[in-house]
Every structure is written in C-alpha cells, then in structure tokens.
Amino acid sequence: MAPAPDAGLFEVWPENWEVWEFFIEHMQTQWRVGTAGPVGIDYNVLPWIFRLQEVKDEKALFEGLKTIETAILKVWSEEAAAA
C-alpha cells in the first residue's frame, strides 16, 4: 500500500518554532535506546547545551522538548505495532 500523499508532513505553529528548531539542531540525535528501541531523549547534555546556546527560558524549552519527545515516541510505537 502506498503512503498517503501527505504522509510525514506536519505543521509547526509559530509559537512552537523555537523549540522545534532547538530539537532539530541539538537534540534529535540524543535518544536513549533499549532492546525494544527508543525509550526517550537523553537529557544529560541539556544543561550544557542550554548554557552554550544562552537559552533564557529553560523551563519552557524543556517542557516543549518533552512534548516533542512524547509525540515522536507515540508515532514510533504506532508504527511498530502496525508492522
């Protein structure tokens, strides 16, 4: 079965752009992986990156990263269940 024409496409609202960009640039490779696959983002590097990038509102950015993490893990779980 061919994927839907818009499969993999999504919209990022302007108010979420900063956290999405931060995730793509600094955190997308920081996954903890268990025997069943990714289990969550490894946040150990986050304080260092926050300092390096001079992040002003660390709490808001962290909350946004957790939202992204949850959404990605949900998609991966659904894809694994469908396979």
PDB file of N, CA and C in Angstrom:
ATOM      1  N   MET A   1       0.843  -1.167   0.000  1.00  0.00           N
ATOM      2  CA  MET A   1       0.000   0.000   0.000  1.00  0.00           C
ATOM      3  C   MET A   1       0.896   1.240   0.000  1.00  0.00           C
ATOM      4  N   ALA A   2       0.616   2.176  -0.860  1.00  0.00           N
ATOM      5  CA  ALA A   2       1.387   3.423  -0.941  1.00  0.00           C
ATOM      6  C   ALA A   2       0.979   4.359   0.193  1.00  0.00           C
ATOM      7  N   PRO A   3       1.960   5.108   0.736  1.00  0.00           N
ATOM      8  CA  PRO A   3       1.609   6.056   1.792  1.00  0.00           C
ATOM      9  C   PRO A   3       0.729   7.174   1.254  1.00  0.00           C
ATOM     10  N   ALA A   4      -0.047   7.769   2.130  1.00  0.00           N
ATOM     11  CA  ALA A   4      -0.887   8.901   1.752  1.00  0.00           C
ATOM     12  C   ALA A   4       0.006  10.032   1.235  1.00  0.00           C
ATOM     13  N   PRO A   5      -0.505  10.851   0.317  1.00  0.00           N
ATOM     14  CA  PRO A   5       0.314  11.928  -0.250  1.00  0.00           C
ATOM     15  C   PRO A   5       0.886  12.884   0.787  1.00  0.00           C
ATOM     16  N   ASP A   6       0.190  13.068   1.909  1.00  0.00           N
ATOM     17  CA  ASP A   6       0.684  13.992   2.927  1.00  0.00           C
ATOM     18  C   ASP A   6       1.365  13.269   4.097  1.00  0.00           C
ATOM     19  N   ALA A   7       1.649  11.976   3.936  1.00  0.00           N
ATOM     20  CA  ALA A   7       2.296  11.208   4.995  1.00  0.00           C
ATOM     21  C   ALA A   7       3.642  11.833   5.350  1.00  0.00           C
ATOM     22  N   GLY A   8       3.877  12.000   6.625  1.00  0.00           N
ATOM     23  CA  GLY A   8       5.133  12.560   7.090  1.00  0.00           C
ATOM     24  C   GLY A   8       5.156  14.075   7.129  1.00  0.00           C
ATOM     25  N   LEU A   9       4.118  14.718   6.640  1.00  0.00           N
ATOM     26  CA  LEU A   9       4.064  16.173   6.670  1.00  0.00           C
ATOM     27  C   LEU A   9       3.311  16.626   7.917  1.00  0.00           C
ATOM     28  N   PHE A  10       3.744  17.726   8.469  1.00  0.00           N
ATOM     29  CA  PHE A  10       3.065  18.276   9.633  1.00  0.00           C
ATOM     30  C   PHE A  10       3.334  19.767   9.679  1.00  0.00           C
ATOM     31  N   GLU A  11       2.547  20.448  10.458  1.00  0.00           N
ATOM     32  CA  GLU A  11       2.682  21.892  10.598  1.00  0.00           C
ATOM     33  C   GLU A  11       3.245  22.217  11.979  1.00  0.00           C
ATOM     34  N   VAL A  12       4.151  23.185  12.016  1.00  0.00           N
ATOM     35  CA  VAL A  12       4.649  23.685  13.290  1.00  0.00           C
ATOM     36  C   VAL A  12       4.107  25.091  13.461  1.00  0.00           C
ATOM     37  N   TRP A  13       3.343  25.296  14.501  1.00  0.00           N
ATOM     38  CA  TRP A  13       2.789  26.621  14.761  1.00  0.00           C
ATOM     39  C   TRP A  13       3.919  27.584  15.117  1.00  0.00           C
ATOM     40  N   PRO A  14       3.781  28.850  14.770  1.00  0.00           N
ATOM     41  CA  PRO A  14       4.846  29.831  15.029  1.00  0.00           C
ATOM     42  C   PRO A  14       5.303  29.871  16.485  1.00  0.00           C
ATOM     43  N   GLU A  15       4.375  29.719  17.416  1.00  0.00           N
ATOM     44  CA  GLU A  15       4.742  29.776  18.833  1.00  0.00           C
ATOM     45  C   GLU A  15       5.554  28.563  19.286  1.00  0.00           C
ATOM     46  N   ASN A  16       5.597  27.514  18.461  1.00  0.00           N
ATOM     47  CA  ASN A  16       6.367  26.313  18.783  1.00  0.00           C
ATOM     48  C   ASN A  16       7.654  26.199  17.967  1.00  0.00           C
ATOM     49  N   TRP A  17       7.876  27.161  17.088  1.00  0.00           N
ATOM     50  CA  TRP A  17       9.006  27.052  16.170  1.00  0.00           C
ATOM     51  C   TRP A  17      10.342  27.010  16.901  1.00  0.00           C
ATOM     52  N   GLU A  18      10.527  27.831  17.935  1.00  0.00           N
ATOM     53  CA  GLU A  18      11.804  27.884  18.653  1.00  0.00           C
ATOM     54  C   GLU A  18      12.171  26.521  19.240  1.00  0.00           C
ATOM     55  N   VAL A  19      11.219  25.868  19.885  1.00  0.00           N
ATOM     56  CA  VAL A  19      11.517  24.573  20.496  1.00  0.00           C
ATOM     57  C   VAL A  19      11.750  23.515  19.425  1.00  0.00           C
ATOM     58  N   TRP A  20      10.991  23.555  18.331  1.00  0.00           N
ATOM     59  CA  TRP A  20      11.193  22.590  17.250  1.00  0.00           C
ATOM     60  C   TRP A  20      12.591  22.759  16.651  1.00  0.00           C
ATOM     61  N   GLU A  21      12.981  23.990  16.399  1.00  0.00           N
ATOM     62  CA  GLU A  21      14.301  24.269  15.833  1.00  0.00           C
ATOM     63  C   GLU A  21      15.408  23.806  16.798  1.00  0.00           C
ATOM     64  N   PHE A  22      15.224  24.051  18.092  1.00  0.00           N
ATOM     65  CA  PHE A  22      16.191  23.602  19.093  1.00  0.00           C
ATOM     66  C   PHE A  22      16.307  22.084  19.069  1.00  0.00           C
ATOM     67  N   PHE A  23      15.167  21.407  19.016  1.00  0.00           N
ATOM     68  CA  PHE A  23      15.181  19.943  18.962  1.00  0.00           C
ATOM     69  C   PHE A  23      15.945  19.455  17.738  1.00  0.00           C
ATOM     70  N   ILE A  24      15.635  19.983  16.568  1.00  0.00           N
ATOM     71  CA  ILE A  24      16.277  19.542  15.324  1.00  0.00           C
ATOM     72  C   ILE A  24      17.777  19.817  15.355  1.00  0.00           C
ATOM     73  N   GLU A  25      18.165  20.980  15.837  1.00  0.00           N
ATOM     74  CA  GLU A  25      19.580  21.360  15.812  1.00  0.00           C
ATOM     75  C   GLU A  25      20.411  20.689  16.899  1.00  0.00           C
ATOM     76  N   HIS A  26      19.800  20.379  18.053  1.00  0.00           N
ATOM     77  CA  HIS A  26      20.621  19.950  19.182  1.00  0.00           C
ATOM     78  C   HIS A  26      20.224  18.629  19.829  1.00  0.00           C
ATOM     79  N   MET A  27      18.991  18.177  19.677  1.00  0.00           N
ATOM     80  CA  MET A  27      18.535  17.039  20.464  1.00  0.00           C
ATOM     81  C   MET A  27      18.064  15.831  19.659  1.00  0.00           C
ATOM     82  N   GLN A  28      17.897  15.965  18.359  1.00  0.00           N
ATOM     83  CA  GLN A  28      17.296  14.861  17.606  1.00  0.00           C
ATOM     84  C   GLN A  28      18.153  13.594  17.605  1.00  0.00           C
ATOM     85  N   THR A  29      19.423  13.709  17.947  1.00  0.00           N
ATOM     86  CA  THR A  29      20.294  12.529  17.989  1.00  0.00           C
ATOM     87  C   THR A  29      20.508  12.024  19.412  1.00  0.00           C
ATOM     88  N   GLN A  30      19.819  12.581  20.387  1.00  0.00           N
ATOM     89  CA  GLN A  30      20.068  12.273  21.794  1.00  0.00           C
ATOM     90  C   GLN A  30      19.045  11.300  22.375  1.00  0.00           C
ATOM     91  N   TRP A  31      18.771  10.216  21.673  1.00  0.00           N
ATOM     92  CA  TRP A  31      17.782   9.244  22.126  1.00  0.00           C
ATOM     93  C   TRP A  31      18.428   8.142  22.956  1.00  0.00           C
ATOM     94  N   ARG A  32      17.780   7.792  24.054  1.00  0.00           N
ATOM     95  CA  ARG A  32      18.156   6.590  24.806  1.00  0.00           C
ATOM     96  C   ARG A  32      17.437   5.423  24.137  1.00  0.00           C
ATOM     97  N   VAL A  33      18.180   4.344  23.926  1.00  0.00           N
ATOM     98  CA  VAL A  33      17.628   3.199  23.209  1.00  0.00           C
ATOM     99  C   VAL A  33      17.787   1.947  24.059  1.00  0.00           C
ATOM    100  N   GLY A  34      16.688   1.210  24.197  1.00  0.00           N
ATOM    101  CA  GLY A  34      16.704  -0.063  24.897  1.00  0.00           C
ATOM    102  C   GLY A  34      16.610  -1.197  23.886  1.00  0.00           C
ATOM    103  N   THR A  35      16.418  -2.390  24.363  1.00  0.00           N
ATOM    104  CA  THR A  35      16.340  -3.542  23.467  1.00  0.00           C
ATOM    105  C   THR A  35      15.123  -3.492  22.555  1.00  0.00           C
ATOM    106  N   ALA A  36      14.093  -2.771  22.962  1.00  0.00           N
ATOM    107  CA  ALA A  36      12.882  -2.659  22.143  1.00  0.00           C
ATOM    108  C   ALA A  36      12.871  -1.388  21.304  1.00  0.00           C
ATOM    109  N   GLY A  37      13.962  -0.614  21.356  1.00  0.00           N
ATOM    110  CA  GLY A  37      14.012   0.618  20.569  1.00  0.00           C
ATOM    111  C   GLY A  37      14.117   1.847  21.453  1.00  0.00           C
ATOM    112  N   PRO A  38      13.874   3.025  20.877  1.00  0.00           N
ATOM    113  CA  PRO A  38      13.996   4.281  21.633  1.00  0.00           C
ATOM    114  C   PRO A  38      13.015   4.337  22.804  1.00  0.00           C
ATOM    115  N   VAL A  39      13.503   4.825  23.945  1.00  0.00           N
ATOM    116  CA  VAL A  39      12.650   4.928  25.134  1.00  0.00           C
ATOM    117  C   VAL A  39      12.476   6.365  25.600  1.00  0.00           C
ATOM    118  N   GLY A  40      13.269   7.282  25.084  1.00  0.00           N
ATOM    119  CA  GLY A  40      13.159   8.682  25.469  1.00  0.00           C
ATOM    120  C   GLY A  40      14.430   9.430  25.123  1.00  0.00           C
ATOM    121  N   ILE A  41      14.353  10.733  25.253  1.00  0.00           N
ATOM    122  CA  ILE A  41      15.509  11.579  24.984  1.00  0.00           C
ATOM    123  C   ILE A  41      16.460  11.517  26.179  1.00  0.00           C
ATOM    124  N   ASP A  42      17.755  11.466  25.899  1.00  0.00           N
ATOM    125  CA  ASP A  42      18.771  11.532  26.939  1.00  0.00           C
ATOM    126  C   ASP A  42      19.019  13.008  27.244  1.00  0.00           C
ATOM    127  N   TYR A  43      18.523  13.452  28.379  1.00  0.00           N
ATOM    128  CA  TYR A  43      18.591  14.874  28.736  1.00  0.00           C
ATOM    129  C   TYR A  43      19.886  15.260  29.459  1.00  0.00           C
ATOM    130  N   ASN A  44      20.832  14.351  29.609  1.00  0.00           N
ATOM    131  CA  ASN A  44      22.063  14.663  30.333  1.00  0.00           C
ATOM    132  C   ASN A  44      22.844  15.818  29.720  1.00  0.00           C
ATOM    133  N   VAL A  45      22.774  15.973  28.421  1.00  0.00           N
ATOM    134  CA  VAL A  45      23.524  17.027  27.735  1.00  0.00           C
ATOM    135  C   VAL A  45      22.789  18.371  27.763  1.00  0.00           C
ATOM    136  N   LEU A  46      21.529  18.363  28.137  1.00  0.00           N
ATOM    137  CA  LEU A  46      20.697  19.557  28.039  1.00  0.00           C
ATOM    138  C   LEU A  46      21.230  20.776  28.808  1.00  0.00           C
ATOM    139  N   PRO A  47      21.663  20.658  30.058  1.00  0.00           N
ATOM    140  CA  PRO A  47      22.177  21.851  30.750  1.00  0.00           C
ATOM    141  C   PRO A  47      23.364  22.489  30.017  1.00  0.00           C
ATOM    142  N   TRP A  48      24.237  21.668  29.491  1.00  0.00           N
ATOM    143  CA  TRP A  48      25.390  22.174  28.749  1.00  0.00           C
ATOM    144  C   TRP A  48      24.952  22.910  27.486  1.00  0.00           C
ATOM    145  N   ILE A  49      24.002  22.334  26.752  1.00  0.00           N
ATOM    146  CA  ILE A  49      23.514  22.976  25.528  1.00  0.00           C
ATOM    147  C   ILE A  49      22.768  24.266  25.869  1.00  0.00           C
ATOM    148  N   PHE A  50      21.985  24.261  26.939  1.00  0.00           N
ATOM    149  CA  PHE A  50      21.298  25.479  27.360  1.00  0.00           C
ATOM    150  C   PHE A  50      22.302  26.607  27.606  1.00  0.00           C
ATOM    151  N   ARG A  51      23.398  26.297  28.313  1.00  0.00           N
ATOM    152  CA  ARG A  51      24.420  27.322  28.566  1.00  0.00           C
ATOM    153  C   ARG A  51      25.085  27.762  27.266  1.00  0.00           C
ATOM    154  N   LEU A  52      25.464  26.814  26.447  1.00  0.00           N
ATOM    155  CA  LEU A  52      26.145  27.108  25.193  1.00  0.00           C
ATOM    156  C   LEU A  52      25.283  27.974  24.283  1.00  0.00           C
ATOM    157  N   GLN A  53      23.984  27.701  24.230  1.00  0.00           N
ATOM    158  CA  GLN A  53      23.060  28.433  23.361  1.00  0.00           C
ATOM    159  C   GLN A  53      22.438  29.640  24.056  1.00  0.00           C
ATOM    160  N   GLU A  54      22.819  29.872  25.313  1.00  0.00           N
ATOM    161  CA  GLU A  54      22.329  31.001  26.093  1.00  0.00           C
ATOM    162  C   GLU A  54      20.796  31.058  26.124  1.00  0.00           C
ATOM    163  N   VAL A  55      20.199  29.912  26.416  1.00  0.00           N
ATOM    164  CA  VAL A  55      18.740  29.803  26.493  1.00  0.00           C
ATOM    165  C   VAL A  55      18.246  30.603  27.690  1.00  0.00           C
ATOM    166  N   LYS A  56      17.276  31.458  27.457  1.00  0.00           N
ATOM    167  CA  LYS A  56      16.737  32.330  28.508  1.00  0.00           C
ATOM    168  C   LYS A  56      15.673  31.627  29.357  1.00  0.00           C
ATOM    169  N   ASP A  57      14.719  30.972  28.701  1.00  0.00           N
ATOM    170  CA  ASP A  57      13.620  30.320  29.416  1.00  0.00           C
ATOM    171  C   ASP A  57      13.793  28.801  29.310  1.00  0.00           C
ATOM    172  N   GLU A  58      14.680  28.265  30.156  1.00  0.00           N
ATOM    173  CA  GLU A  58      14.988  26.837  30.107  1.00  0.00           C
ATOM    174  C   GLU A  58      13.760  25.972  30.396  1.00  0.00           C
ATOM    175  N   LYS A  59      12.926  26.404  31.340  1.00  0.00           N
ATOM    176  CA  LYS A  59      11.750  25.611  31.708  1.00  0.00           C
ATOM    177  C   LYS A  59      10.797  25.462  30.520  1.00  0.00           C
ATOM    178  N   ALA A  60      10.509  26.550  29.836  1.00  0.00           N
ATOM    179  CA  ALA A  60       9.589  26.488  28.687  1.00  0.00           C
ATOM    180  C   ALA A  60      10.159  25.615  27.575  1.00  0.00           C
ATOM    181  N   LEU A  61      11.447  25.739  27.315  1.00  0.00           N
ATOM    182  CA  LEU A  61      12.060  24.938  26.259  1.00  0.00           C
ATOM    183  C   LEU A  61      12.056  23.464  26.641  1.00  0.00           C
ATOM    184  N   PHE A  62      12.344  23.173  27.908  1.00  0.00           N
ATOM    185  CA  PHE A  62      12.316  21.792  28.377  1.00  0.00           C
ATOM    186  C   PHE A  62      10.918  21.187  28.248  1.00  0.00           C
ATOM    187  N   GLU A  63       9.905  21.956  28.634  1.00  0.00           N
ATOM    188  CA  GLU A  63       8.525  21.472  28.510  1.00  0.00           C
ATOM    189  C   GLU A  63       8.189  21.179  27.047  1.00  0.00           C
ATOM    190  N   GLY A  64       8.623  22.051  26.143  1.00  0.00           N
ATOM    191  CA  GLY A  64       8.398  21.825  24.719  1.00  0.00           C
ATOM    192  C   GLY A  64       9.106  20.586  24.214  1.00  0.00           C
ATOM    193  N   LEU A  65      10.335  20.362  24.668  1.00  0.00           N
ATOM    194  CA  LEU A  65      11.076  19.165  24.264  1.00  0.00           C
ATOM    195  C   LEU A  65      10.379  17.897  24.732  1.00  0.00           C
ATOM    196  N   LYS A  66       9.833  17.929  25.946  1.00  0.00           N
ATOM    197  CA  LYS A  66       9.105  16.757  26.440  1.00  0.00           C
ATOM    198  C   LYS A  66       7.862  16.487  25.600  1.00  0.00           C
ATOM    199  N   THR A  67       7.205  17.540  25.131  1.00  0.00           N
ATOM    200  CA  THR A  67       6.034  17.366  24.265  1.00  0.00           C
ATOM    201  C   THR A  67       6.442  16.715  22.944  1.00  0.00           C
ATOM    202  N   ILE A  68       7.528  17.190  22.363  1.00  0.00           N
ATOM    203  CA  ILE A  68       8.040  16.600  21.116  1.00  0.00           C
ATOM    204  C   ILE A  68       8.411  15.140  21.345  1.00  0.00           C
ATOM    205  N   GLU A  69       9.116  14.878  22.427  1.00  0.00           N
ATOM    206  CA  GLU A  69       9.529  13.510  22.751  1.00  0.00           C
ATOM    207  C   GLU A  69       8.320  12.571  22.834  1.00  0.00           C
ATOM    208  N   THR A  70       7.296  12.994  23.552  1.00  0.00           N
ATOM    209  CA  THR A  70       6.094  12.183  23.725  1.00  0.00           C
ATOM    210  C   THR A  70       5.422  11.902  22.383  1.00  0.00           C
ATOM    211  N   ALA A  71       5.326  12.925  21.539  1.00  0.00           N
ATOM    212  CA  ALA A  71       4.682  12.757  20.236  1.00  0.00           C
ATOM    213  C   ALA A  71       5.473  11.809  19.342  1.00  0.00           C
ATOM    214  N   ILE A  72       6.781  11.953  19.327  1.00  0.00           N
ATOM    215  CA  ILE A  72       7.596  11.075  18.486  1.00  0.00           C
ATOM    216  C   ILE A  72       7.528   9.636  18.972  1.00  0.00           C
ATOM    217  N   LEU A  73       7.627   9.435  20.283  1.00  0.00           N
ATOM    218  CA  LEU A  73       7.539   8.069  20.809  1.00  0.00           C
ATOM    219  C   LEU A  73       6.189   7.437  20.499  1.00  0.00           C
ATOM    220  N   LYS A  74       5.126   8.225  20.527  1.00  0.00           N
ATOM    221  CA  LYS A  74       3.799   7.704  20.194  1.00  0.00           C
ATOM    222  C   LYS A  74       3.748   7.251  18.738  1.00  0.00           C
ATOM    223  N   VAL A  75       4.265   8.063  17.840  1.00  0.00           N
ATOM    224  CA  VAL A  75       4.279   7.707  16.417  1.00  0.00           C
ATOM    225  C   VAL A  75       5.108   6.443  16.206  1.00  0.00           C
ATOM    226  N   TRP A  76       6.293   6.392  16.794  1.00  0.00           N
ATOM    227  CA  TRP A  76       7.140   5.209  16.629  1.00  0.00           C
ATOM    228  C   TRP A  76       6.467   3.955  17.176  1.00  0.00           C
ATOM    229  N   SER A  77       5.758   4.089  18.301  1.00  0.00           N
ATOM    230  CA  SER A  77       5.053   2.952  18.892  1.00  0.00           C
ATOM    231  C   SER A  77       3.940   2.470  17.964  1.00  0.00           C
ATOM    232  N   GLU A  78       3.198   3.418  17.402  1.00  0.00           N
ATOM    233  CA  GLU A  78       2.129   3.054  16.475  1.00  0.00           C
ATOM    234  C   GLU A  78       2.679   2.392  15.219  1.00  0.00           C
ATOM    235  N   GLU A  79       3.799   2.911  14.714  1.00  0.00           N
ATOM    236  CA  GLU A  79       4.421   2.310  13.531  1.00  0.00           C
ATOM    237  C   GLU A  79       4.908   0.896  13.824  1.00  0.00           C
ATOM    238  N   ALA A  80       5.489   0.685  15.001  1.00  0.00           N
ATOM    239  CA  ALA A  80       5.962  -0.639  15.377  1.00  0.00           C
ATOM    240  C   ALA A  80       4.808  -1.623  15.522  1.00  0.00           C
ATOM    241  N   ALA A  81       3.704  -1.142  16.077  1.00  0.00           N
ATOM    242  CA  ALA A  81       2.531  -2.022  16.262  1.00  0.00           C
ATOM    243  C   ALA A  81       1.905  -2.394  14.920  1.00  0.00           C
ATOM    244  N   ALA A  82       2.002  -1.498  13.956  1.00  0.00           N
ATOM    245  CA  ALA A  82       1.399  -1.752  12.644  1.00  0.00           C
ATOM    246  C   ALA A  82       2.293  -2.641  11.772  1.00  0.00           C
ATOM    247  N   ALA A  83       3.546  -2.763  12.135  1.00  0.00           N
ATOM    248  CA  ALA A  83       4.491  -3.541  11.305  1.00  0.00           C
ATOM    249  C   ALA A  83       4.300  -5.031  11.478  1.00  0.00           C
TER     250      ALA A  83
END
